[in-house]
Every structure is written in C-alpha cells, then in structure tokens.
Amino acid sequence: MGDKKNKSVYGSNGRLNFAKLWILLEKKHHNKLWLRENGIHSNTIQKLVNNENVTCDVLTRLCYLLECDVKNICEYEKPDNIK
C-alpha cells in the first residue's frame, strides 16, 4: 500500500478539455454563478476551468442541467497534445 510507482499521474492517459462547456453555457445564457446555484461546487467549477479531473457524477449533473450529451461539454485530448 502507498506504492507511488503504480499510481498514474492525472493526464498521463490524456485529459478532458472543457472548452465546449463554456461555449454551451454562453449559448444558453448561463455562467459559472448559474452552475453554482444549480449545485456545482465552486471548487469543482475551478477544476472545470483548469481542465482538471472531475467525477462522472459531475459530468452527468452537467449533462442533466444543460440537457445535453457529454460530448457537448468536453473533448478528449491525447497526452501528446497536452502542453
């Protein structure tokens, strides 16, 4: 237990880019405050802004709130495309 060799670093398999989320929010006339008012924690919103790891529960909540599919809020980026 606690063996750091076996623990993968987030992003080593790629990551999700949430740029589409912000575009969709703007199209629907919503913003970060609206997300907060609808149950998305401010720390989670910051993670989304920074394209950091969020749970599947967050992704499904966003899809529910925005009445969309996950492909409408994020896009997979391969590790070699990440700066």
PDB file of N, CA and C in Angstrom:
ATOM      1  N   MET A   1       0.837  -1.172   0.000  1.00  0.00           N
ATOM      2  CA  MET A   1       0.000   0.000   0.000  1.00  0.00           C
ATOM      3  C   MET A   1       0.890   1.246   0.000  1.00  0.00           C
ATOM      4  N   GLY A   2       0.452   2.310  -0.689  1.00  0.00           N
ATOM      5  CA  GLY A   2       1.228   3.530  -0.719  1.00  0.00           C
ATOM      6  C   GLY A   2       2.361   3.495  -1.725  1.00  0.00           C
ATOM      7  N   ASP A   3       2.395   2.475  -2.571  1.00  0.00           N
ATOM      8  CA  ASP A   3       3.431   2.364  -3.586  1.00  0.00           C
ATOM      9  C   ASP A   3       3.157   3.381  -4.690  1.00  0.00           C
ATOM     10  N   LYS A   4       3.952   4.423  -4.753  1.00  0.00           N
ATOM     11  CA  LYS A   4       3.730   5.508  -5.701  1.00  0.00           C
ATOM     12  C   LYS A   4       4.067   5.110  -7.136  1.00  0.00           C
ATOM     13  N   LYS A   5       4.832   4.033  -7.328  1.00  0.00           N
ATOM     14  CA  LYS A   5       5.190   3.603  -8.679  1.00  0.00           C
ATOM     15  C   LYS A   5       3.965   3.205  -9.491  1.00  0.00           C
ATOM     16  N   ASN A   6       2.973   2.618  -8.842  1.00  0.00           N
ATOM     17  CA  ASN A   6       1.804   2.114  -9.550  1.00  0.00           C
ATOM     18  C   ASN A   6       0.713   3.166  -9.737  1.00  0.00           C
ATOM     19  N   LYS A   7       0.858   4.293  -9.120  1.00  0.00           N
ATOM     20  CA  LYS A   7      -0.159   5.335  -9.229  1.00  0.00           C
ATOM     21  C   LYS A   7       0.112   6.192 -10.465  1.00  0.00           C
ATOM     22  N   SER A   8      -0.869   6.259 -11.354  1.00  0.00           N
ATOM     23  CA  SER A   8      -0.720   7.033 -12.579  1.00  0.00           C
ATOM     24  C   SER A   8      -1.019   8.510 -12.301  1.00  0.00           C
ATOM     25  N   VAL A   9      -0.305   9.383 -12.934  1.00  0.00           N
ATOM     26  CA  VAL A   9      -0.499  10.821 -12.801  1.00  0.00           C
ATOM     27  C   VAL A   9      -1.681  11.222 -13.671  1.00  0.00           C
ATOM     28  N   TYR A  10      -2.578  12.057 -13.120  1.00  0.00           N
ATOM     29  CA  TYR A  10      -3.711  12.519 -13.932  1.00  0.00           C
ATOM     30  C   TYR A  10      -3.180  13.208 -15.172  1.00  0.00           C
ATOM     31  N   GLY A  11      -3.711  12.818 -16.298  1.00  0.00           N
ATOM     32  CA  GLY A  11      -3.281  13.390 -17.562  1.00  0.00           C
ATOM     33  C   GLY A  11      -2.316  12.493 -18.310  1.00  0.00           C
ATOM     34  N   SER A  12      -1.785  11.461 -17.654  1.00  0.00           N
ATOM     35  CA  SER A  12      -0.843  10.581 -18.341  1.00  0.00           C
ATOM     36  C   SER A  12      -1.537   9.776 -19.445  1.00  0.00           C
ATOM     37  N   ASN A  13      -2.853   9.644 -19.367  1.00  0.00           N
ATOM     38  CA  ASN A  13      -3.633   8.974 -20.413  1.00  0.00           C
ATOM     39  C   ASN A  13      -4.383   9.977 -21.281  1.00  0.00           C
ATOM     40  N   GLY A  14      -4.080  11.244 -21.097  1.00  0.00           N
ATOM     41  CA  GLY A  14      -4.808  12.313 -21.774  1.00  0.00           C
ATOM     42  C   GLY A  14      -5.675  13.025 -20.757  1.00  0.00           C
ATOM     43  N   ARG A  15      -6.526  13.892 -21.238  1.00  0.00           N
ATOM     44  CA  ARG A  15      -7.423  14.616 -20.341  1.00  0.00           C
ATOM     45  C   ARG A  15      -8.651  15.080 -21.107  1.00  0.00           C
ATOM     46  N   LEU A  16      -9.618  15.578 -20.365  1.00  0.00           N
ATOM     47  CA  LEU A  16     -10.797  16.160 -20.974  1.00  0.00           C
ATOM     48  C   LEU A  16     -10.646  17.680 -20.973  1.00  0.00           C
ATOM     49  N   ASN A  17     -10.898  18.273 -22.117  1.00  0.00           N
ATOM     50  CA  ASN A  17     -10.864  19.723 -22.254  1.00  0.00           C
ATOM     51  C   ASN A  17     -12.313  20.193 -22.197  1.00  0.00           C
ATOM     52  N   PHE A  18     -12.609  21.126 -21.292  1.00  0.00           N
ATOM     53  CA  PHE A  18     -13.977  21.584 -21.075  1.00  0.00           C
ATOM     54  C   PHE A  18     -14.314  22.890 -21.801  1.00  0.00           C
ATOM     55  N   ALA A  19     -13.577  23.230 -22.838  1.00  0.00           N
ATOM     56  CA  ALA A  19     -13.854  24.463 -23.594  1.00  0.00           C
ATOM     57  C   ALA A  19     -15.282  24.471 -24.136  1.00  0.00           C
ATOM     58  N   LYS A  20     -15.779  23.314 -24.559  1.00  0.00           N
ATOM     59  CA  LYS A  20     -17.139  23.236 -25.105  1.00  0.00           C
ATOM     60  C   LYS A  20     -18.190  23.588 -24.044  1.00  0.00           C
ATOM     61  N   LEU A  21     -17.895  23.300 -22.789  1.00  0.00           N
ATOM     62  CA  LEU A  21     -18.825  23.626 -21.706  1.00  0.00           C
ATOM     63  C   LEU A  21     -19.080  25.122 -21.648  1.00  0.00           C
ATOM     64  N   TRP A  22     -18.026  25.906 -21.713  1.00  0.00           N
ATOM     65  CA  TRP A  22     -18.159  27.361 -21.592  1.00  0.00           C
ATOM     66  C   TRP A  22     -18.887  27.946 -22.797  1.00  0.00           C
ATOM     67  N   ILE A  23     -18.676  27.373 -23.965  1.00  0.00           N
ATOM     68  CA  ILE A  23     -19.381  27.819 -25.174  1.00  0.00           C
ATOM     69  C   ILE A  23     -20.872  27.504 -25.040  1.00  0.00           C
ATOM     70  N   LEU A  24     -21.189  26.293 -24.580  1.00  0.00           N
ATOM     71  CA  LEU A  24     -22.587  25.899 -24.409  1.00  0.00           C
ATOM     72  C   LEU A  24     -23.279  26.748 -23.350  1.00  0.00           C
ATOM     73  N   LEU A  25     -22.593  27.003 -22.240  1.00  0.00           N
ATOM     74  CA  LEU A  25     -23.172  27.864 -21.201  1.00  0.00           C
ATOM     75  C   LEU A  25     -23.518  29.238 -21.763  1.00  0.00           C
ATOM     76  N   GLU A  26     -22.607  29.807 -22.539  1.00  0.00           N
ATOM     77  CA  GLU A  26     -22.848  31.129 -23.126  1.00  0.00           C
ATOM     78  C   GLU A  26     -24.045  31.091 -24.079  1.00  0.00           C
ATOM     79  N   LYS A  27     -24.127  30.056 -24.900  1.00  0.00           N
ATOM     80  CA  LYS A  27     -25.253  29.926 -25.838  1.00  0.00           C
ATOM     81  C   LYS A  27     -26.584  29.840 -25.107  1.00  0.00           C
ATOM     82  N   LYS A  28     -26.565  29.219 -23.930  1.00  0.00           N
ATOM     83  CA  LYS A  28     -27.792  29.062 -23.143  1.00  0.00           C
ATOM     84  C   LYS A  28     -27.993  30.217 -22.154  1.00  0.00           C
ATOM     85  N   HIS A  29     -27.138  31.231 -22.265  1.00  0.00           N
ATOM     86  CA  HIS A  29     -27.217  32.422 -21.404  1.00  0.00           C
ATOM     87  C   HIS A  29     -27.050  32.080 -19.924  1.00  0.00           C
ATOM     88  N   HIS A  30     -26.103  31.174 -19.646  1.00  0.00           N
ATOM     89  CA  HIS A  30     -25.756  30.804 -18.282  1.00  0.00           C
ATOM     90  C   HIS A  30     -24.285  31.122 -18.035  1.00  0.00           C
ATOM     91  N   ASN A  31     -23.872  31.053 -16.772  1.00  0.00           N
ATOM     92  CA  ASN A  31     -22.481  31.328 -16.417  1.00  0.00           C
ATOM     93  C   ASN A  31     -22.076  30.485 -15.204  1.00  0.00           C
ATOM     94  N   LYS A  32     -20.900  30.752 -14.668  1.00  0.00           N
ATOM     95  CA  LYS A  32     -20.394  29.997 -13.520  1.00  0.00           C
ATOM     96  C   LYS A  32     -21.298  30.150 -12.298  1.00  0.00           C
ATOM     97  N   LEU A  33     -21.855  31.322 -12.101  1.00  0.00           N
ATOM     98  CA  LEU A  33     -22.767  31.531 -10.975  1.00  0.00           C
ATOM     99  C   LEU A  33     -23.994  30.632 -11.112  1.00  0.00           C
ATOM    100  N   TRP A  34     -24.506  30.515 -12.318  1.00  0.00           N
ATOM    101  CA  TRP A  34     -25.649  29.635 -12.567  1.00  0.00           C
ATOM    102  C   TRP A  34     -25.292  28.195 -12.204  1.00  0.00           C
ATOM    103  N   LEU A  35     -24.082  27.757 -12.575  1.00  0.00           N
ATOM    104  CA  LEU A  35     -23.638  26.413 -12.210  1.00  0.00           C
ATOM    105  C   LEU A  35     -23.650  26.252 -10.689  1.00  0.00           C
ATOM    106  N   ARG A  36     -23.096  27.237  -9.993  1.00  0.00           N
ATOM    107  CA  ARG A  36     -23.031  27.207  -8.525  1.00  0.00           C
ATOM    108  C   ARG A  36     -24.439  27.149  -7.926  1.00  0.00           C
ATOM    109  N   GLU A  37     -25.340  27.954  -8.456  1.00  0.00           N
ATOM    110  CA  GLU A  37     -26.720  27.988  -7.966  1.00  0.00           C
ATOM    111  C   GLU A  37     -27.463  26.684  -8.239  1.00  0.00           C
ATOM    112  N   ASN A  38     -26.930  25.872  -9.160  1.00  0.00           N
ATOM    113  CA  ASN A  38     -27.560  24.610  -9.514  1.00  0.00           C
ATOM    114  C   ASN A  38     -26.777  23.401  -9.015  1.00  0.00           C
ATOM    115  N   GLY A  39     -25.997  23.611  -7.947  1.00  0.00           N
ATOM    116  CA  GLY A  39     -25.404  22.502  -7.231  1.00  0.00           C
ATOM    117  C   GLY A  39     -23.994  22.096  -7.601  1.00  0.00           C
ATOM    118  N   ILE A  40     -23.341  22.847  -8.474  1.00  0.00           N
ATOM    119  CA  ILE A  40     -21.949  22.545  -8.808  1.00  0.00           C
ATOM    120  C   ILE A  40     -21.064  23.372  -7.872  1.00  0.00           C
ATOM    121  N   HIS A  41     -20.278  22.696  -7.056  1.00  0.00           N
ATOM    122  CA  HIS A  41     -19.443  23.357  -6.045  1.00  0.00           C
ATOM    123  C   HIS A  41     -18.410  24.265  -6.711  1.00  0.00           C
ATOM    124  N   SER A  42     -18.081  25.364  -6.058  1.00  0.00           N
ATOM    125  CA  SER A  42     -17.119  26.330  -6.622  1.00  0.00           C
ATOM    126  C   SER A  42     -15.748  25.697  -6.870  1.00  0.00           C
ATOM    127  N   ASN A  43     -15.326  24.754  -6.020  1.00  0.00           N
ATOM    128  CA  ASN A  43     -14.049  24.058  -6.270  1.00  0.00           C
ATOM    129  C   ASN A  43     -14.120  23.224  -7.544  1.00  0.00           C
ATOM    130  N   THR A  44     -15.266  22.621  -7.786  1.00  0.00           N
ATOM    131  CA  THR A  44     -15.462  21.829  -8.999  1.00  0.00           C
ATOM    132  C   THR A  44     -15.457  22.725 -10.230  1.00  0.00           C
ATOM    133  N   ILE A  45     -16.084  23.869 -10.131  1.00  0.00           N
ATOM    134  CA  ILE A  45     -16.093  24.821 -11.245  1.00  0.00           C
ATOM    135  C   ILE A  45     -14.668  25.230 -11.580  1.00  0.00           C
ATOM    136  N   GLN A  46     -13.856  25.457 -10.572  1.00  0.00           N
ATOM    137  CA  GLN A  46     -12.455  25.819 -10.806  1.00  0.00           C
ATOM    138  C   GLN A  46     -11.711  24.677 -11.499  1.00  0.00           C
ATOM    139  N   LYS A  47     -12.002  23.443 -11.116  1.00  0.00           N
ATOM    140  CA  LYS A  47     -11.393  22.289 -11.780  1.00  0.00           C
ATOM    141  C   LYS A  47     -11.797  22.251 -13.254  1.00  0.00           C
ATOM    142  N   LEU A  48     -13.056  22.544 -13.534  1.00  0.00           N
ATOM    143  CA  LEU A  48     -13.521  22.574 -14.925  1.00  0.00           C
ATOM    144  C   LEU A  48     -12.804  23.669 -15.715  1.00  0.00           C
ATOM    145  N   VAL A  49     -12.635  24.826 -15.101  1.00  0.00           N
ATOM    146  CA  VAL A  49     -11.921  25.938 -15.749  1.00  0.00           C
ATOM    147  C   VAL A  49     -10.497  25.519 -16.114  1.00  0.00           C
ATOM    148  N   ASN A  50      -9.869  24.747 -15.220  1.00  0.00           N
ATOM    149  CA  ASN A  50      -8.469  24.338 -15.414  1.00  0.00           C
ATOM    150  C   ASN A  50      -8.315  22.985 -16.113  1.00  0.00           C
ATOM    151  N   ASN A  51      -9.420  22.439 -16.629  1.00  0.00           N
ATOM    152  CA  ASN A  51      -9.402  21.122 -17.291  1.00  0.00           C
ATOM    153  C   ASN A  51      -8.807  20.042 -16.394  1.00  0.00           C
ATOM    154  N   GLU A  52      -9.164  20.087 -15.117  1.00  0.00           N
ATOM    155  CA  GLU A  52      -8.678  19.107 -14.158  1.00  0.00           C
ATOM    156  C   GLU A  52      -9.694  17.983 -13.992  1.00  0.00           C
ATOM    157  N   ASN A  53      -9.313  16.966 -13.238  1.00  0.00           N
ATOM    158  CA  ASN A  53     -10.124  15.785 -13.030  1.00  0.00           C
ATOM    159  C   ASN A  53     -11.401  16.108 -12.256  1.00  0.00           C
ATOM    160  N   VAL A  54     -12.547  15.671 -12.795  1.00  0.00           N
ATOM    161  CA  VAL A  54     -13.831  15.758 -12.095  1.00  0.00           C
ATOM    162  C   VAL A  54     -14.489  14.379 -12.160  1.00  0.00           C
ATOM    163  N   THR A  55     -15.445  14.151 -11.296  1.00  0.00           N
ATOM    164  CA  THR A  55     -16.090  12.840 -11.232  1.00  0.00           C
ATOM    165  C   THR A  55     -17.121  12.668 -12.352  1.00  0.00           C
ATOM    166  N   CYS A  56     -17.476  11.412 -12.573  1.00  0.00           N
ATOM    167  CA  CYS A  56     -18.548  11.115 -13.520  1.00  0.00           C
ATOM    168  C   CYS A  56     -19.862  11.720 -13.038  1.00  0.00           C
ATOM    169  N   ASP A  57     -20.040  11.798 -11.732  1.00  0.00           N
ATOM    170  CA  ASP A  57     -21.244  12.410 -11.180  1.00  0.00           C
ATOM    171  C   ASP A  57     -21.351  13.873 -11.610  1.00  0.00           C
ATOM    172  N   VAL A  58     -20.240  14.581 -11.619  1.00  0.00           N
ATOM    173  CA  VAL A  58     -20.238  15.978 -12.073  1.00  0.00           C
ATOM    174  C   VAL A  58     -20.608  16.043 -13.549  1.00  0.00           C
ATOM    175  N   LEU A  59     -20.022  15.174 -14.345  1.00  0.00           N
ATOM    176  CA  LEU A  59     -20.322  15.165 -15.784  1.00  0.00           C
ATOM    177  C   LEU A  59     -21.798  14.889 -16.036  1.00  0.00           C
ATOM    178  N   THR A  60     -22.355  13.909 -15.323  1.00  0.00           N
ATOM    179  CA  THR A  60     -23.769  13.604 -15.529  1.00  0.00           C
ATOM    180  C   THR A  60     -24.661  14.730 -15.029  1.00  0.00           C
ATOM    181  N   ARG A  61     -24.270  15.386 -13.949  1.00  0.00           N
ATOM    182  CA  ARG A  61     -25.041  16.537 -13.443  1.00  0.00           C
ATOM    183  C   ARG A  61     -25.055  17.668 -14.472  1.00  0.00           C
ATOM    184  N   LEU A  62     -23.901  17.951 -15.068  1.00  0.00           N
ATOM    185  CA  LEU A  62     -23.821  18.990 -16.098  1.00  0.00           C
ATOM    186  C   LEU A  62     -24.709  18.642 -17.289  1.00  0.00           C
ATOM    187  N   CYS A  63     -24.657  17.381 -17.713  1.00  0.00           N
ATOM    188  CA  CYS A  63     -25.491  16.951 -18.840  1.00  0.00           C
ATOM    189  C   CYS A  63     -26.971  17.099 -18.511  1.00  0.00           C
ATOM    190  N   TYR A  64     -27.340  16.757 -17.288  1.00  0.00           N
ATOM    191  CA  TYR A  64     -28.728  16.901 -16.849  1.00  0.00           C
ATOM    192  C   TYR A  64     -29.157  18.373 -16.852  1.00  0.00           C
ATOM    193  N   LEU A  65     -28.333  19.208 -16.244  1.00  0.00           N
ATOM    194  CA  LEU A  65     -28.665  20.630 -16.150  1.00  0.00           C
ATOM    195  C   LEU A  65     -28.755  21.300 -17.519  1.00  0.00           C
ATOM    196  N   LEU A  66     -27.845  20.939 -18.402  1.00  0.00           N
ATOM    197  CA  LEU A  66     -27.766  21.591 -19.711  1.00  0.00           C
ATOM    198  C   LEU A  66     -28.528  20.844 -20.804  1.00  0.00           C
ATOM    199  N   GLU A  67     -29.146  19.725 -20.405  1.00  0.00           N
ATOM    200  CA  GLU A  67     -29.921  18.907 -21.346  1.00  0.00           C
ATOM    201  C   GLU A  67     -29.101  18.598 -22.596  1.00  0.00           C
ATOM    202  N   CYS A  68     -27.941  17.974 -22.361  1.00  0.00           N
ATOM    203  CA  CYS A  68     -27.024  17.681 -23.457  1.00  0.00           C
ATOM    204  C   CYS A  68     -26.318  16.361 -23.211  1.00  0.00           C
ATOM    205  N   ASP A  69     -25.474  15.987 -24.126  1.00  0.00           N
ATOM    206  CA  ASP A  69     -24.644  14.794 -24.012  1.00  0.00           C
ATOM    207  C   ASP A  69     -23.250  15.228 -23.575  1.00  0.00           C
ATOM    208  N   VAL A  70     -22.506  14.309 -22.987  1.00  0.00           N
ATOM    209  CA  VAL A  70     -21.161  14.633 -22.500  1.00  0.00           C
ATOM    210  C   VAL A  70     -20.268  15.166 -23.634  1.00  0.00           C
ATOM    211  N   LYS A  71     -20.478  14.703 -24.866  1.00  0.00           N
ATOM    212  CA  LYS A  71     -19.672  15.180 -25.998  1.00  0.00           C
ATOM    213  C   LYS A  71     -19.908  16.666 -26.286  1.00  0.00           C
ATOM    214  N   ASN A  72     -20.992  17.221 -25.738  1.00  0.00           N
ATOM    215  CA  ASN A  72     -21.280  18.642 -25.924  1.00  0.00           C
ATOM    216  C   ASN A  72     -20.590  19.542 -24.913  1.00  0.00           C
ATOM    217  N   ILE A  73     -19.980  18.931 -23.873  1.00  0.00           N
ATOM    218  CA  ILE A  73     -19.348  19.749 -22.835  1.00  0.00           C
ATOM    219  C   ILE A  73     -17.847  19.527 -22.703  1.00  0.00           C
ATOM    220  N   CYS A  74     -17.330  18.465 -23.319  1.00  0.00           N
ATOM    221  CA  CYS A  74     -15.892  18.222 -23.211  1.00  0.00           C
ATOM    222  C   CYS A  74     -15.384  17.428 -24.401  1.00  0.00           C
ATOM    223  N   GLU A  75     -14.064  17.431 -24.514  1.00  0.00           N
ATOM    224  CA  GLU A  75     -13.411  16.733 -25.614  1.00  0.00           C
ATOM    225  C   GLU A  75     -12.134  16.094 -25.093  1.00  0.00           C
ATOM    226  N   TYR A  76     -11.894  14.853 -25.494  1.00  0.00           N
ATOM    227  CA  TYR A  76     -10.683  14.130 -25.085  1.00  0.00           C
ATOM    228  C   TYR A  76      -9.466  14.687 -25.822  1.00  0.00           C
ATOM    229  N   GLU A  77      -8.395  14.900 -25.077  1.00  0.00           N
ATOM    230  CA  GLU A  77      -7.099  15.313 -25.656  1.00  0.00           C
ATOM    231  C   GLU A  77      -6.073  14.229 -25.353  1.00  0.00           C
ATOM    232  N   LYS A  78      -5.388  13.770 -26.361  1.00  0.00           N
ATOM    233  CA  LYS A  78      -4.332  12.764 -26.192  1.00  0.00           C
ATOM    234  C   LYS A  78      -3.171  13.376 -25.413  1.00  0.00           C
ATOM    235  N   PRO A  79      -2.400  12.542 -24.698  1.00  0.00           N
ATOM    236  CA  PRO A  79      -1.275  13.054 -23.893  1.00  0.00           C
ATOM    237  C   PRO A  79      -0.282  13.882 -24.709  1.00  0.00           C
ATOM    238  N   ASP A  80      -0.030  13.519 -25.964  1.00  0.00           N
ATOM    239  CA  ASP A  80       0.948  14.261 -26.762  1.00  0.00           C
ATOM    240  C   ASP A  80       0.421  15.612 -27.222  1.00  0.00           C
ATOM    241  N   ASN A  81      -0.872  15.886 -27.014  1.00  0.00           N
ATOM    242  CA  ASN A  81      -1.454  17.187 -27.362  1.00  0.00           C
ATOM    243  C   ASN A  81      -1.512  18.140 -26.176  1.00  0.00           C
ATOM    244  N   ILE A  82      -1.153  17.656 -25.000  1.00  0.00           N
ATOM    245  CA  ILE A  82      -1.218  18.455 -23.769  1.00  0.00           C
ATOM    246  C   ILE A  82       0.109  19.172 -23.564  1.00  0.00           C
ATOM    247  N   LYS A  83       0.032  20.456 -23.293  1.00  0.00           N
ATOM    248  CA  LYS A  83       1.246  21.251 -23.073  1.00  0.00           C
ATOM    249  C   LYS A  83       1.599  21.287 -21.624  1.00  0.00           C
TER     250      LYS A  83
END
